[in-house]
Amino acid sequence: MSGTKYADLPDIDTAPDIYETDDVFPTTQFTKAESSDEEGPQNRHAGKKQIPPPTKEELDMSGLMDLEAATKKFMKAERRNRSRSTYVYPPSPDSSPTDQSGAPRPIPLSQRLRLLNTELTALEIELSDPSNPLLQKEREEDNVDPGELIKDLVVVRGRLDKLRKGHEGRARLIGTVLEKERKEPETEEEEESESEDENSNDPEASKMRNLIDIDKRVGELEKIIGSSSAALDETSPLPPPLLPLITRLNSQLALLTQPRHIDSISRRLKLLLSDLDRASVAQQHRRYPSQQTSLITPIPENLLPILSRLGPALPQIPHILTRLRTLSALHTSAADFQATLEDLEKEHRKVHDALNELDDAIKTVEKSLEENRGVVKKNVADLEGRVESLLQHLEELGREQPQER
C-alpha cells in the first residue's frame, strides 16, 4: 500500500523495506516437563487450517490460536486455590519445648542446670581474660570491679555444686516434689482423674516449690552471715547486720588508703619505733648498769641542742634524703655542665673578637669609599670644565671660519 499511495509524489523511494517481513509464528519446542506448552504450536497450526481466509472488511484471524488450544496452554496460569507450604524451624536448645497443641512446656531442670553450667563457664573464661574489651568497657563506663564479679561467680559455682551433691535435707524435699510431677498415669481413667487432681493442686505445688527455694536461699544467707548457729529467741542476741558493717569498713579502708593518711601512719610508726628502741635501751641499762656503762658512749653536750632542733623535723628528714638522692645525679652532671659553659663562653669571645675585626674592616672600607667618592667628584668636575672649554673653543672656531670666507 505504501508504494501505490505515494507513487505519484516526486523523489520517493519505491524500493521495498528491508525490515518488512512476513508474519512468522514461533515453532520452538519447549522442555518435556511443560507438556501443555508443547501442544500449543500444533493446536495453533490446526486452528489456522480451520479458520477461513479473511475478507477485506474482516480482521486477519489467521495468526490467532484456537479457544481450546489457548485454554490448554494457559491452564497452569490459574492458581486460585494453591496451598502455601510454610517452613517450621527445628526447636533450638535455648527455646522452650512445645506440646502438640502448641502450648510451651517447661524446660526440664537437668537441661536448665546444664545451660547454667555452660553460661557460668563462658563467663569465667571471659572474666579470666584481662584483655577482654567488654570487661574494659564496663570498668571504664560503669566502674565495675572485676574482683566482685569473680566473687559472685564463685558463689554461684558453690551453689551449683551443692545442687549436684546427694539429696539431703531440703534437696530431698525438692526431689520428692519433682518426682511427683514426673510420674505419668498408666491408664486413660487415671490420666483424667490425675489431670483433675493436678489442676486442683497446681497452685499448692507452686507455693510449696517457692517456699522451698526461699528456705534454701535463707539458709545459704545464714551460713554466709554466720547467724545460722544463733538461737532465735529473745535471750540470745543476734549478730549485728552485715550491710552497715561492710559499708563502714569500706569507708574506713577508703580513708586509710589515701596517700596523706599513709604518710602520717608511716611517720607515726617511725617515731614509735625510735621510742621503742630508746625504751628498750633504757630498760637494759636499768637491768644491767655495770655492763652498759662501758658500752654506752657519752653524748657530747653540743649535740643536745641540735637534736632538740631536729626533733620536730624528723618526719621530713626521710623525704629530704630521698630528694637529695634524686638530685645526686644532677650534682654529678653539674661539673660537665660547667665545662660546657666555659667552652661556650670561649667561643662567644672568639665570635665577639671576629665581629670587632669585621667592624673595623667595614669602617676602613667605608672611609676608602668616601675618599674615592671625593676623587671621582673632582675628576668629573675637571672633565666637565674641559668639555665646556672645548665646546667654547669649537664655537669660536666655527665663528672664525665664515668670517675668513
Protein backbone atom coordinates (compact mmCIF):
# COMPACT_ATOMS: atom_id res chain seq x y z
CA MET A 1 0.00 0.00 0.00
CA SER A 2 2.84 2.39 0.78
CA GLY A 3 4.18 2.04 -2.76
CA THR A 4 0.82 2.75 -4.50
CA LYS A 5 -0.22 5.54 -2.15
CA TYR A 6 2.87 7.71 -2.56
CA ALA A 7 3.80 6.64 -6.11
CA ASP A 8 2.73 9.93 -7.71
CA LEU A 9 4.89 12.00 -5.34
CA PRO A 10 8.33 13.01 -6.62
CA ASP A 11 11.61 11.85 -5.04
CA ILE A 12 10.04 8.99 -3.12
CA ASP A 13 11.94 5.75 -2.60
CA THR A 14 9.80 2.95 -4.02
CA ALA A 15 12.21 0.18 -3.02
CA PRO A 16 10.83 -2.48 -0.65
CA ASP A 17 11.61 -2.01 3.03
CA ILE A 18 14.31 -4.35 4.22
CA TYR A 19 12.72 -4.53 7.68
CA GLU A 20 9.33 -5.52 6.31
CA THR A 21 8.92 -9.29 6.82
CA ASP A 22 6.06 -11.74 6.78
CA ASP A 23 4.29 -12.80 9.97
CA VAL A 24 6.06 -15.97 11.04
CA PHE A 25 4.93 -17.58 14.29
CA PRO A 26 7.48 -19.35 16.53
CA THR A 27 7.57 -23.12 16.35
CA THR A 28 10.17 -23.72 19.06
CA GLN A 29 9.82 -26.77 21.23
CA PHE A 30 9.89 -26.45 25.00
CA THR A 31 11.04 -28.93 27.63
CA LYS A 32 9.31 -32.18 28.33
CA ALA A 33 8.12 -31.00 31.73
CA GLU A 34 5.76 -28.48 30.09
CA SER A 35 3.57 -30.82 28.07
CA SER A 36 0.89 -28.22 27.53
CA ASP A 37 3.41 -25.80 26.01
CA GLU A 38 4.49 -28.46 23.51
CA GLU A 39 0.96 -28.96 22.39
CA GLY A 40 0.49 -25.21 21.78
CA PRO A 41 2.11 -24.88 18.32
CA GLN A 42 0.29 -27.96 16.97
CA ASN A 43 -3.07 -26.66 18.06
CA ARG A 44 -2.13 -23.28 16.67
CA HIS A 45 -1.45 -24.70 13.21
CA ALA A 46 -4.62 -26.73 13.47
CA GLY A 47 -6.53 -23.57 14.30
CA LYS A 48 -5.04 -21.82 11.30
CA LYS A 49 -6.30 -24.51 8.99
CA GLN A 50 -9.83 -24.32 10.31
CA ILE A 51 -10.14 -20.51 10.05
CA PRO A 52 -11.05 -19.41 6.51
CA PRO A 53 -9.10 -16.64 4.83
CA PRO A 54 -10.38 -13.20 5.86
CA THR A 55 -12.07 -10.80 3.53
CA LYS A 56 -11.17 -7.16 3.10
CA GLU A 57 -13.74 -5.99 5.65
CA GLU A 58 -12.89 -8.63 8.32
CA LEU A 59 -9.88 -8.87 10.64
CA ASP A 60 -7.00 -11.22 9.93
CA MET A 61 -7.61 -14.15 12.37
CA SER A 62 -5.05 -16.48 10.84
CA GLY A 63 -2.36 -15.64 13.43
CA LEU A 64 -4.58 -16.30 16.45
CA MET A 65 -4.94 -19.54 18.43
CA ASP A 66 -7.98 -21.64 18.82
CA LEU A 67 -10.02 -21.30 22.03
CA GLU A 68 -9.37 -24.88 23.11
CA ALA A 69 -5.64 -24.59 22.46
CA ALA A 70 -5.50 -21.35 24.45
CA THR A 71 -7.33 -22.89 27.41
CA LYS A 72 -4.99 -25.89 27.39
CA LYS A 73 -1.91 -23.68 27.20
CA PHE A 74 -2.90 -21.21 29.92
CA MET A 75 -4.44 -23.76 32.25
CA LYS A 76 -1.42 -23.67 34.55
CA ALA A 77 -1.63 -19.90 34.92
CA GLU A 78 -4.74 -20.22 37.06
CA ARG A 79 -3.55 -20.76 40.62
CA ARG A 80 -6.52 -19.86 42.69
CA ASN A 81 -6.66 -22.41 45.48
CA ARG A 82 -2.95 -23.11 45.80
CA SER A 83 -1.80 -24.37 49.21
CA ARG A 84 1.22 -22.48 50.52
CA SER A 85 3.89 -24.52 52.27
CA THR A 86 5.29 -22.99 55.45
CA TYR A 87 8.69 -23.87 56.88
CA VAL A 88 8.90 -24.58 60.59
CA TYR A 89 12.30 -24.14 62.23
CA PRO A 90 13.54 -27.03 64.37
CA PRO A 91 13.49 -26.42 68.12
CA SER A 92 16.71 -24.91 69.43
CA PRO A 93 18.24 -25.98 72.75
CA ASP A 94 17.64 -22.49 74.18
CA SER A 95 13.96 -22.30 73.21
CA SER A 96 11.31 -23.85 75.42
CA PRO A 97 9.79 -27.09 74.01
CA THR A 98 6.15 -27.09 72.99
CA ASP A 99 3.44 -29.76 73.04
CA GLN A 100 1.42 -30.95 70.07
CA SER A 101 -1.23 -28.39 70.95
CA GLY A 102 1.33 -25.55 70.66
CA ALA A 103 1.49 -24.62 74.34
CA PRO A 104 5.06 -24.22 75.66
CA ARG A 105 6.27 -26.91 78.01
CA PRO A 106 8.53 -26.05 80.95
CA ILE A 107 12.21 -26.80 80.37
CA PRO A 108 13.40 -29.76 82.48
CA LEU A 109 15.59 -28.93 85.44
CA SER A 110 18.51 -31.02 84.19
CA GLN A 111 18.62 -29.05 80.95
CA ARG A 112 18.36 -25.76 82.84
CA LEU A 113 21.23 -26.87 85.08
CA ARG A 114 23.38 -27.71 82.03
CA LEU A 115 22.60 -24.33 80.48
CA LEU A 116 23.57 -22.60 83.72
CA ASN A 117 26.85 -24.54 83.81
CA THR A 118 27.72 -23.61 80.23
CA GLU A 119 26.90 -19.94 80.81
CA LEU A 120 28.95 -19.96 84.00
CA THR A 121 31.99 -21.46 82.27
CA ALA A 122 31.68 -18.91 79.44
CA LEU A 123 31.56 -16.08 81.98
CA GLU A 124 34.59 -17.46 83.81
CA ILE A 125 36.56 -17.59 80.54
CA GLU A 126 35.59 -14.01 79.67
CA LEU A 127 36.43 -12.68 83.14
CA SER A 128 39.75 -14.52 83.29
CA ASP A 129 40.92 -12.71 80.13
CA PRO A 130 42.21 -9.25 81.20
CA SER A 131 42.30 -8.06 77.57
CA ASN A 132 38.55 -8.54 77.12
CA PRO A 133 37.12 -5.35 75.52
CA LEU A 134 33.71 -5.83 77.19
CA LEU A 135 35.32 -6.03 80.63
CA GLN A 136 37.42 -2.92 79.98
CA LYS A 137 34.36 -1.04 78.69
CA GLU A 138 32.32 -1.91 81.81
CA ARG A 139 35.28 -0.98 84.03
CA GLU A 140 35.59 2.46 82.37
CA GLU A 141 31.90 3.33 81.93
CA ASP A 142 30.09 1.62 84.85
CA ASN A 143 33.09 1.39 87.27
CA VAL A 144 32.55 -2.36 87.66
CA ASP A 145 35.14 -4.18 89.77
CA PRO A 146 36.25 -7.50 88.17
CA GLY A 147 37.06 -8.88 91.62
CA GLU A 148 33.44 -8.51 92.70
CA LEU A 149 32.26 -10.27 89.54
CA ILE A 150 34.66 -13.16 90.14
CA LYS A 151 33.47 -13.36 93.74
CA ASP A 152 29.85 -13.59 92.60
CA LEU A 153 30.83 -16.30 90.12
CA VAL A 154 32.48 -18.29 92.91
CA VAL A 155 29.31 -18.00 94.99
CA VAL A 156 27.14 -19.19 92.10
CA ARG A 157 29.56 -22.05 91.39
CA GLY A 158 29.32 -23.15 95.03
CA ARG A 159 25.55 -23.13 94.87
CA LEU A 160 25.55 -25.26 91.73
CA ASP A 161 27.98 -27.71 93.33
CA LYS A 162 25.61 -28.04 96.27
CA LEU A 163 22.80 -28.94 93.88
CA ARG A 164 24.92 -31.71 92.35
CA LYS A 165 25.50 -33.42 95.67
CA GLY A 166 23.29 -36.14 97.17
CA HIS A 167 19.74 -35.39 98.12
CA GLU A 168 19.96 -34.41 101.77
CA GLY A 169 17.75 -32.16 103.85
CA ARG A 170 15.97 -29.59 101.71
CA ALA A 171 17.21 -31.20 98.46
CA ARG A 172 15.30 -34.37 99.39
CA LEU A 173 12.08 -32.36 99.59
CA ILE A 174 12.79 -30.85 96.18
CA GLY A 175 13.40 -34.33 94.75
CA THR A 176 10.12 -35.65 96.12
CA VAL A 177 8.20 -32.72 94.66
CA LEU A 178 9.84 -33.18 91.26
CA GLU A 179 9.28 -36.94 91.27
CA LYS A 180 5.59 -36.43 91.87
CA GLU A 181 5.38 -34.21 88.83
CA ARG A 182 7.32 -36.68 86.64
CA LYS A 183 5.03 -39.64 87.29
CA GLU A 184 2.84 -40.45 84.30
CA PRO A 185 -0.60 -42.12 84.51
CA GLU A 186 -0.88 -45.67 83.22
CA THR A 187 -4.47 -45.72 82.00
CA GLU A 188 -6.80 -43.16 80.48
CA GLU A 189 -9.07 -43.07 83.54
CA GLU A 190 -6.10 -42.42 85.79
CA GLU A 191 -4.92 -39.69 83.39
CA GLU A 192 -8.26 -37.91 83.57
CA SER A 193 -8.51 -38.21 87.36
CA GLU A 194 -4.89 -37.22 87.91
CA SER A 195 -5.20 -34.30 85.46
CA GLU A 196 -8.13 -33.03 87.50
CA ASP A 197 -6.18 -33.52 90.75
CA GLU A 198 -3.10 -31.82 89.30
CA ASN A 199 -5.18 -28.90 88.04
CA SER A 200 -6.58 -28.51 91.52
CA ASN A 201 -3.17 -28.95 93.25
CA ASP A 202 -1.00 -26.91 90.83
CA PRO A 203 -1.15 -23.71 92.93
CA GLU A 204 -0.29 -25.65 96.09
CA ALA A 205 2.70 -27.32 94.39
CA SER A 206 3.94 -23.99 93.06
CA LYS A 207 3.59 -22.44 96.51
CA MET A 208 5.49 -25.37 98.03
CA ARG A 209 8.25 -25.03 95.43
CA ASN A 210 8.56 -21.29 96.09
CA LEU A 211 8.73 -21.91 99.84
CA ILE A 212 11.48 -24.49 99.35
CA ASP A 213 13.51 -22.08 97.20
CA ILE A 214 13.08 -19.28 99.73
CA ASP A 215 14.08 -21.57 102.60
CA LYS A 216 17.17 -22.71 100.70
CA ARG A 217 18.27 -19.17 99.91
CA VAL A 218 17.68 -18.05 103.50
CA GLY A 219 19.78 -20.96 104.75
CA GLU A 220 22.66 -20.04 102.42
CA LEU A 221 22.47 -16.41 103.55
CA GLU A 222 22.54 -17.51 107.19
CA LYS A 223 25.65 -19.60 106.51
CA ILE A 224 27.36 -16.65 104.82
CA ILE A 225 26.43 -14.16 107.57
CA GLY A 226 27.06 -16.56 110.45
CA SER A 227 23.66 -16.39 112.12
CA SER A 228 22.66 -19.98 111.40
CA SER A 229 24.00 -21.21 114.76
CA ALA A 230 22.31 -18.45 116.77
CA ALA A 231 19.09 -19.35 118.58
CA LEU A 232 16.05 -17.36 117.50
CA ASP A 233 14.83 -16.31 120.93
CA GLU A 234 14.83 -13.09 122.93
CA THR A 235 17.55 -14.11 125.41
CA SER A 236 20.43 -14.61 122.93
CA PRO A 237 21.06 -11.51 120.76
CA LEU A 238 21.53 -11.87 117.02
CA PRO A 239 24.78 -10.81 115.38
CA PRO A 240 24.88 -7.23 114.03
CA PRO A 241 23.64 -6.63 110.47
CA LEU A 242 26.20 -7.28 107.78
CA LEU A 243 25.47 -4.48 105.30
CA PRO A 244 26.16 -1.50 107.64
CA LEU A 245 29.32 -3.22 108.90
CA ILE A 246 30.57 -3.73 105.33
CA THR A 247 29.82 -0.12 104.37
CA ARG A 248 31.60 1.18 107.46
CA LEU A 249 34.66 -0.99 106.81
CA ASN A 250 34.69 0.07 103.16
CA SER A 251 34.62 3.76 104.10
CA GLN A 252 37.41 3.26 106.64
CA LEU A 253 39.54 1.44 104.07
CA ALA A 254 38.94 4.20 101.52
CA LEU A 255 40.09 6.80 104.05
CA LEU A 256 43.12 4.83 105.18
CA THR A 257 44.33 4.11 101.66
CA GLN A 258 44.69 7.79 100.84
CA PRO A 259 48.33 8.90 100.42
CA ARG A 260 48.27 11.53 103.15
CA HIS A 261 46.95 9.07 105.72
CA ILE A 262 49.56 6.51 104.69
CA ASP A 263 52.33 9.12 105.11
CA SER A 264 51.08 10.11 108.54
CA ILE A 265 50.84 6.45 109.60
CA SER A 266 54.40 5.78 108.40
CA ARG A 267 55.70 8.80 110.31
CA ARG A 268 53.98 7.71 113.49
CA LEU A 269 55.34 4.20 113.09
CA LYS A 270 58.88 5.54 112.69
CA LEU A 271 58.51 7.70 115.79
CA LEU A 272 57.10 4.75 117.72
CA LEU A 273 59.99 2.55 116.61
CA SER A 274 62.53 5.14 117.73
CA ASP A 275 60.74 5.49 121.09
CA LEU A 276 60.65 1.71 121.50
CA ASP A 277 64.38 1.49 120.78
CA ARG A 278 65.08 4.12 123.40
CA ALA A 279 62.81 2.41 125.92
CA SER A 280 64.48 -0.96 125.32
CA VAL A 281 67.93 0.60 125.73
CA ALA A 282 66.82 2.30 128.98
CA GLN A 283 65.39 -0.96 130.34
CA GLN A 284 68.60 -2.82 129.56
CA HIS A 285 70.59 -0.05 131.24
CA ARG A 286 68.45 -0.33 134.35
CA ARG A 287 68.76 -4.11 134.48
CA TYR A 288 72.49 -4.30 133.79
CA PRO A 289 74.03 -0.92 134.77
CA SER A 290 77.61 -2.26 135.16
CA GLN A 291 77.72 -3.81 131.66
CA GLN A 292 76.10 -0.91 129.84
CA THR A 293 78.35 1.83 131.28
CA SER A 294 81.31 0.61 129.25
CA LEU A 295 79.27 0.20 126.04
CA ILE A 296 77.32 3.47 126.04
CA THR A 297 79.41 6.41 124.91
CA PRO A 298 78.55 9.76 126.42
CA ILE A 299 76.74 12.17 124.09
CA PRO A 300 78.55 15.48 123.78
CA GLU A 301 76.70 18.49 125.08
CA ASN A 302 76.96 20.30 121.76
CA LEU A 303 74.72 17.71 120.06
CA LEU A 304 71.83 18.11 122.50
CA PRO A 305 70.55 21.44 121.13
CA ILE A 306 70.98 20.12 117.60
CA LEU A 307 68.92 17.04 118.46
CA SER A 308 66.25 19.20 120.07
CA ARG A 309 66.06 21.22 116.86
CA LEU A 310 65.94 18.12 114.68
CA GLY A 311 63.17 16.54 116.78
CA PRO A 312 60.20 18.29 115.11
CA ALA A 313 61.84 17.88 111.69
CA LEU A 314 62.29 14.09 111.96
CA PRO A 315 59.25 13.25 109.77
CA GLN A 316 60.62 15.45 106.97
CA ILE A 317 64.20 14.15 107.07
CA PRO A 318 63.45 10.93 105.07
CA HIS A 319 61.80 12.96 102.32
CA ILE A 320 64.76 15.35 102.25
CA LEU A 321 67.18 12.42 101.98
CA THR A 322 65.23 10.87 99.12
CA ARG A 323 65.17 14.24 97.40
CA LEU A 324 68.93 14.64 97.81
CA ARG A 325 69.49 11.16 96.42
CA THR A 326 67.43 12.04 93.37
CA LEU A 327 69.43 15.27 92.98
CA SER A 328 72.80 13.50 93.28
CA ALA A 329 72.80 12.75 89.56
CA LEU A 330 72.23 16.44 88.89
CA HIS A 331 75.16 17.36 91.15
CA THR A 332 77.45 14.92 89.34
CA SER A 333 76.47 16.35 85.96
CA ALA A 334 77.00 19.93 87.21
CA ALA A 335 80.78 19.70 86.57
CA ASP A 336 80.25 18.66 82.97
CA PHE A 337 77.72 21.42 82.59
CA GLN A 338 80.24 23.97 83.92
CA ALA A 339 82.88 22.78 81.43
CA THR A 340 80.43 23.12 78.56
CA LEU A 341 79.54 26.61 79.76
CA GLU A 342 83.21 27.63 79.79
CA ASP A 343 83.67 26.31 76.25
CA LEU A 344 80.63 28.26 75.14
CA GLU A 345 82.00 31.43 76.74
CA LYS A 346 85.33 31.00 74.93
CA GLU A 347 83.56 30.51 71.63
CA HIS A 348 81.46 33.57 72.36
CA ARG A 349 84.59 35.63 72.97
CA LYS A 350 86.12 34.43 69.72
CA VAL A 351 82.98 35.34 67.84
CA HIS A 352 82.97 38.77 69.53
CA ASP A 353 86.59 39.40 68.52
CA ALA A 354 85.84 38.34 64.95
CA LEU A 355 82.89 40.70 64.89
CA ASN A 356 85.08 43.57 66.13
CA GLU A 357 87.64 42.88 63.41
CA LEU A 358 84.88 42.76 60.83
CA ASP A 359 83.52 46.07 62.10
CA ASP A 360 86.94 47.68 61.77
CA ALA A 361 87.30 46.35 58.24
CA ILE A 362 83.88 47.70 57.32
CA LYS A 363 84.81 51.12 58.71
CA THR A 364 88.03 51.23 56.66
CA VAL A 365 86.08 50.22 53.54
CA GLU A 366 83.57 52.99 54.17
CA LYS A 367 86.38 55.54 54.60
CA SER A 368 88.02 54.42 51.36
CA LEU A 369 84.69 54.63 49.57
CA GLU A 370 84.16 58.18 50.80
CA GLU A 371 87.66 59.18 49.67
CA ASN A 372 87.09 57.58 46.28
CA ARG A 373 83.79 59.41 46.01
CA GLY A 374 85.55 62.78 46.55
CA VAL A 375 88.22 61.91 43.99
CA VAL A 376 85.56 60.85 41.46
CA LYS A 377 83.66 64.10 42.01
CA LYS A 378 86.81 66.14 41.41
CA ASN A 379 87.60 64.16 38.25
CA VAL A 380 84.07 64.66 36.98
CA ALA A 381 84.24 68.42 37.69
CA ASP A 382 87.56 68.71 35.85
CA LEU A 383 86.18 66.71 32.93
CA GLU A 384 83.12 68.92 32.71
CA GLY A 385 85.33 72.05 32.74
CA ARG A 386 87.48 70.67 29.95
CA VAL A 387 84.41 69.71 27.91
CA GLU A 388 82.95 73.18 28.31
CA SER A 389 86.24 74.81 27.33
CA LEU A 390 86.42 72.52 24.32
CA LEU A 391 82.91 73.46 23.27
CA GLN A 392 83.70 77.14 23.59
CA HIS A 393 86.82 76.68 21.52
CA LEU A 394 84.82 74.87 18.85
CA GLU A 395 82.27 77.66 18.75
CA GLU A 396 84.97 80.23 18.34
CA LEU A 397 86.49 78.22 15.52
CA GLY A 398 83.10 77.98 13.88
CA ARG A 399 82.68 81.75 14.02
CA GLU A 400 86.11 82.47 12.60
CA GLN A 401 85.70 80.25 9.50
CA PRO A 402 82.74 82.16 7.96
CA GLN A 403 84.48 85.44 8.52
CA GLU A 404 87.52 84.24 6.56
CA ARG A 405 85.33 83.21 3.64
